[in-house]
Each structure stands twice: as C-alpha cells, then as structure tokens.
Amino acid sequence: MSFDERRSQLVEAFWAALRDRSFAELSLEMLAGEAGRDGQEHLASPSDMAGLADITDLACVAVAMVDDQALAEIADDFNDAGDASVQEKLVEGLIHRFESFAPLKPQMQALHLACMRNPVLGMALGHQLLRAIDRLLRLCGDDSSGIKRMLRVKGVCAVVMRVRPTWMADETADLSQTLKQIDSELEKAREWAVSLKILEQDEGQS
C-alpha cells in the first residue's frame, strides 16, 4: 500500500470513528490499528502512521483533504464565471465549502466541541482554515498582500465561524439559510473593512 493510500485510509477511519465517538476517545495508534484491518486488533507499526505525528495532525489532514477537493472544484467553476466580482466568487466559494462538509456535519460538530476543550486542536484547525481561506481569496482574484491580506483572510474566517451555527441547523436542500447569512455577514464585513480602509468603497463589488 502506498503512502497516500495509507493516509487516505486513516482519514476514512477518522471520519467514521467521529460519528460514534468523541475526539478525546481517538488516538492515531487506535485508528492505524483499525484502518483496513477488518476490526482485528494489532500493534500499529510506525509505517502505519503515514507520516502523521498524532491525532491532531490527522484531524488537520482530514479537514485539509475536504478543503483541497472543494477548492479544486470551485477553481473549475470560476473558469466559467466570466466577469463575476470577487465578492460574488467569494460567496460561491464559501457556500461550496459548506456543501462539501455537509455530509460530515456530525463529525464537524464533534471537532468543534473538542476545540472548546483542546486549545492545541483549536489552533491547529484554525490555522488550516486560514490557509484554506487564503487560497480561496486568491482563486477569487483577490491579490492583496501584507497586513491587508492578513486582515482580509481573518475577516472571512470570522464570517465562516459566524455562519457555522446556521449551517449546522440548515436542513434546506440548497442550504438557502446558510447562503442568506453568508451574504449578510460578508456585507457586514465589507462595510467594516471599508470603514477601516482595508477596502475601498467599491472594491470587491465590480
């Protein structure tokens, strides 16, 4: 089995385990022992860990894999987006990200609860979110840099976190409630950014 195949197997085992168990109950060694072994217990070897340091590392890899797939899909969509504005692309990108994580809502809620008790996990997943949003903004055509770039990324991350509870409760087929709040929160963030000179009055809307 290749390195990538083993890592994918561990990620699959991770998401499956989070359906029924809390994050605190999981360990990399346990999942490495379970993944692809038909439930037979054995002492997981270092090669079974696929280069991962611990369960927090695996959690970040699992979330990153979903983000990578979502960003690849949205990049294809943006190629056909014509003259859509940065703001319009950002809305589309965020709703697509929420759609990509929708099948994993129970697991994402388990991670959210774990982050409240485990600051190391919270910081690690927060850093993963920052990376994903930075990549999304670049795909949207936002070419800002420096402190302005950092503030924009953190601003969109704040929007994601504010929308998350609505997304968790949104049972509409098209996530219409989530989309409505994304629009609202992004407009609030844009107004805030304009007031602080992070954006020009008409920036991101043309």
Protein backbone atom coordinates (compact mmCIF):
# COMPACT_ATOMS: atom_id res chain seq x y z
CA MET A 1 0.00 0.00 0.00
CA SER A 2 1.35 3.43 -0.95
CA PHE A 3 1.89 6.31 1.48
CA ASP A 4 -1.06 8.27 0.02
CA GLU A 5 -3.34 5.23 0.13
CA ARG A 6 -2.48 4.60 3.77
CA ARG A 7 -3.07 8.24 4.66
CA SER A 8 -6.45 8.22 2.87
CA GLN A 9 -7.35 5.04 4.74
CA LEU A 10 -6.55 6.71 8.06
CA VAL A 11 -8.65 9.75 7.14
CA GLU A 12 -11.59 7.50 6.27
CA ALA A 13 -11.21 5.70 9.60
CA PHE A 14 -11.04 9.06 11.38
CA TRP A 15 -14.30 10.36 9.92
CA ALA A 16 -16.02 7.02 10.59
CA ALA A 17 -14.87 6.96 14.21
CA LEU A 18 -16.06 10.54 14.86
CA ARG A 19 -19.62 9.53 14.01
CA ASP A 20 -19.87 7.47 17.20
CA ARG A 21 -17.02 8.62 19.43
CA SER A 22 -15.70 11.90 20.76
CA PHE A 23 -12.38 13.26 19.54
CA ALA A 24 -10.89 12.70 23.01
CA GLU A 25 -11.51 8.95 22.66
CA LEU A 26 -9.48 8.68 19.48
CA SER A 27 -5.78 8.08 19.00
CA LEU A 28 -3.66 7.74 15.91
CA GLU A 29 -2.45 4.34 17.07
CA MET A 30 -6.01 3.07 17.52
CA LEU A 31 -7.12 4.24 14.08
CA ALA A 32 -3.96 2.92 12.45
CA GLY A 33 -4.71 -0.42 14.03
CA GLU A 34 -8.33 -0.39 12.84
CA ALA A 35 -7.99 1.04 9.35
CA GLY A 36 -8.24 -1.67 6.74
CA ARG A 37 -7.75 -4.46 9.28
CA ASP A 38 -11.34 -5.74 9.46
CA GLY A 39 -11.52 -4.85 13.12
CA GLN A 40 -8.62 -7.10 14.14
CA GLU A 41 -6.52 -5.62 16.92
CA HIS A 42 -2.80 -5.40 16.37
CA LEU A 43 0.11 -3.22 17.41
CA ALA A 44 0.29 -0.49 14.79
CA SER A 45 3.78 -0.04 13.36
CA PRO A 46 5.38 3.35 12.55
CA SER A 47 4.73 2.75 8.86
CA ASP A 48 1.01 2.52 9.61
CA MET A 49 1.01 6.17 10.74
CA ALA A 50 1.61 7.54 7.21
CA GLY A 51 3.95 10.26 8.48
CA LEU A 52 1.39 11.66 10.93
CA ALA A 53 2.52 12.81 14.37
CA ASP A 54 -0.70 12.37 16.36
CA ILE A 55 -4.49 12.50 16.21
CA THR A 56 -4.47 16.31 15.93
CA ASP A 57 -2.24 16.01 12.88
CA LEU A 58 -4.67 13.51 11.37
CA ALA A 59 -7.63 15.81 12.07
CA CYS A 60 -5.93 18.64 10.18
CA VAL A 61 -5.08 16.36 7.26
CA ALA A 62 -8.68 15.09 7.13
CA VAL A 63 -10.12 18.62 7.02
CA ALA A 64 -7.46 19.73 4.52
CA MET A 65 -8.39 16.90 2.15
CA VAL A 66 -12.01 18.12 2.04
CA ASP A 67 -10.82 21.70 1.54
CA ASP A 68 -8.44 20.67 -1.25
CA GLN A 69 -11.22 18.91 -3.12
CA ALA A 70 -13.64 21.82 -2.64
CA LEU A 71 -11.07 24.36 -3.85
CA ALA A 72 -10.24 22.26 -6.90
CA GLU A 73 -13.93 22.07 -7.81
CA ILE A 74 -14.55 25.77 -7.28
CA ALA A 75 -11.50 26.64 -9.39
CA ASP A 76 -13.12 24.82 -12.30
CA ASP A 77 -16.37 26.71 -11.70
CA PHE A 78 -14.56 30.06 -11.62
CA ASN A 79 -13.06 29.37 -15.04
CA ASP A 80 -16.60 29.69 -16.40
CA ALA A 81 -17.58 32.59 -14.13
CA GLY A 82 -16.90 35.32 -16.69
CA ASP A 83 -16.83 38.79 -15.15
CA ALA A 84 -18.12 37.80 -11.71
CA SER A 85 -16.78 40.05 -8.94
CA VAL A 86 -14.50 38.95 -6.11
CA GLN A 87 -17.48 39.25 -3.76
CA GLU A 88 -19.69 37.06 -5.95
CA LYS A 89 -16.98 34.44 -6.30
CA LEU A 90 -16.33 34.50 -2.58
CA VAL A 91 -19.99 33.83 -1.81
CA GLU A 92 -19.97 30.94 -4.27
CA GLY A 93 -16.73 29.59 -2.84
CA LEU A 94 -17.95 29.71 0.76
CA ILE A 95 -21.27 28.04 0.03
CA HIS A 96 -19.46 25.33 -1.92
CA ARG A 97 -17.16 24.76 1.07
CA PHE A 98 -20.16 24.34 3.36
CA GLU A 99 -21.73 21.96 0.82
CA SER A 100 -18.54 19.90 0.74
CA PHE A 101 -18.55 19.48 4.52
CA ALA A 102 -22.33 18.85 4.73
CA PRO A 103 -22.02 15.02 4.73
CA LEU A 104 -19.67 15.41 7.72
CA LYS A 105 -21.84 17.68 9.88
CA PRO A 106 -21.86 15.35 12.94
CA GLN A 107 -18.09 14.94 12.73
CA MET A 108 -17.52 18.68 12.32
CA GLN A 109 -19.70 19.32 15.36
CA ALA A 110 -17.60 16.78 17.29
CA LEU A 111 -14.46 18.63 16.25
CA HIS A 112 -16.00 21.96 17.23
CA LEU A 113 -16.81 20.67 20.72
CA ALA A 114 -13.33 19.17 21.01
CA CYS A 115 -11.72 22.51 20.11
CA MET A 116 -13.51 24.13 23.05
CA ARG A 117 -11.68 21.74 25.40
CA ASN A 118 -8.46 21.28 23.44
CA PRO A 119 -6.74 24.58 22.53
CA VAL A 120 -3.98 22.81 20.60
CA LEU A 121 -6.57 21.24 18.31
CA GLY A 122 -8.38 24.56 18.03
CA MET A 123 -5.24 26.41 16.99
CA ALA A 124 -4.28 23.70 14.50
CA LEU A 125 -7.69 23.64 12.81
CA GLY A 126 -7.82 27.44 12.93
CA HIS A 127 -4.55 27.56 11.03
CA GLN A 128 -5.95 25.11 8.48
CA LEU A 129 -8.98 27.37 7.99
CA LEU A 130 -6.71 30.38 7.46
CA ARG A 131 -4.80 28.51 4.74
CA ALA A 132 -8.00 27.41 3.01
CA ILE A 133 -9.49 30.91 3.03
CA ASP A 134 -6.24 32.44 1.77
CA ARG A 135 -6.30 30.04 -1.18
CA LEU A 136 -9.98 30.75 -1.82
CA LEU A 137 -9.39 34.51 -1.89
CA ARG A 138 -6.62 34.04 -4.44
CA LEU A 139 -8.93 31.94 -6.60
CA CYS A 140 -11.49 34.75 -6.35
CA GLY A 141 -8.96 37.20 -7.79
CA ASP A 142 -8.03 38.97 -4.55
CA ASP A 143 -4.35 39.86 -4.99
CA SER A 144 -3.86 41.91 -1.80
CA SER A 145 -0.74 41.34 0.28
CA GLY A 146 0.85 42.16 3.62
CA ILE A 147 -1.26 43.32 6.56
CA LYS A 148 -4.23 43.99 4.28
CA ARG A 149 -4.12 40.39 3.10
CA MET A 150 -3.90 39.05 6.64
CA LEU A 151 -6.88 41.13 7.77
CA ARG A 152 -8.98 40.05 4.79
CA VAL A 153 -8.24 36.38 5.42
CA LYS A 154 -9.06 36.70 9.10
CA GLY A 155 -12.20 38.65 8.29
CA VAL A 156 -13.52 35.89 6.01
CA CYS A 157 -12.57 33.27 8.61
CA ALA A 158 -14.67 35.21 11.12
CA VAL A 159 -17.57 35.11 8.65
CA VAL A 160 -17.21 31.33 8.36
CA MET A 161 -17.31 30.92 12.14
CA ARG A 162 -20.36 33.19 12.47
CA VAL A 163 -22.21 31.28 9.75
CA ARG A 164 -21.30 27.84 11.14
CA PRO A 165 -24.23 27.57 13.64
CA THR A 166 -26.73 28.45 10.90
CA TRP A 167 -25.15 25.86 8.61
CA MET A 168 -25.33 23.20 11.31
CA ALA A 169 -29.08 23.79 11.68
CA ASP A 170 -29.78 24.32 7.95
CA GLU A 171 -31.78 21.39 6.59
CA THR A 172 -32.72 23.01 3.28
CA ALA A 173 -31.64 21.08 0.19
CA ASP A 174 -29.81 24.08 -1.29
CA LEU A 175 -28.50 25.47 2.04
CA SER A 176 -30.56 28.61 1.37
CA GLN A 177 -30.46 29.71 5.02
CA THR A 178 -26.68 29.38 5.04
CA LEU A 179 -26.37 31.31 1.78
CA LYS A 180 -28.56 34.11 3.14
CA GLN A 181 -26.37 34.52 6.20
CA ILE A 182 -23.15 34.35 4.15
CA ASP A 183 -24.45 37.27 2.08
CA SER A 184 -25.39 39.20 5.21
CA GLU A 185 -22.14 38.54 7.08
CA LEU A 186 -19.95 39.32 4.08
CA GLU A 187 -21.74 42.63 3.58
CA LYS A 188 -21.21 43.50 7.25
CA ALA A 189 -17.54 42.53 6.91
CA ARG A 190 -17.19 44.63 3.76
CA GLU A 191 -18.68 47.67 5.47
CA TRP A 192 -16.33 47.16 8.42
CA ALA A 193 -13.34 46.79 6.07
CA VAL A 194 -14.26 49.99 4.21
CA SER A 195 -14.52 51.91 7.48
CA LEU A 196 -11.01 50.73 8.44
CA LYS A 197 -9.59 51.45 4.95
CA ILE A 198 -8.92 47.75 4.34
CA LEU A 199 -11.18 48.01 1.28
CA GLU A 200 -12.03 50.90 -0.97
CA GLN A 201 -15.73 51.80 -1.14
CA ASP A 202 -16.35 49.92 -4.42
CA GLU A 203 -13.63 47.26 -4.10
CA GLY A 204 -14.73 43.64 -4.45
CA GLN A 205 -18.08 44.57 -5.97
CA SER A 206 -17.13 45.25 -9.57
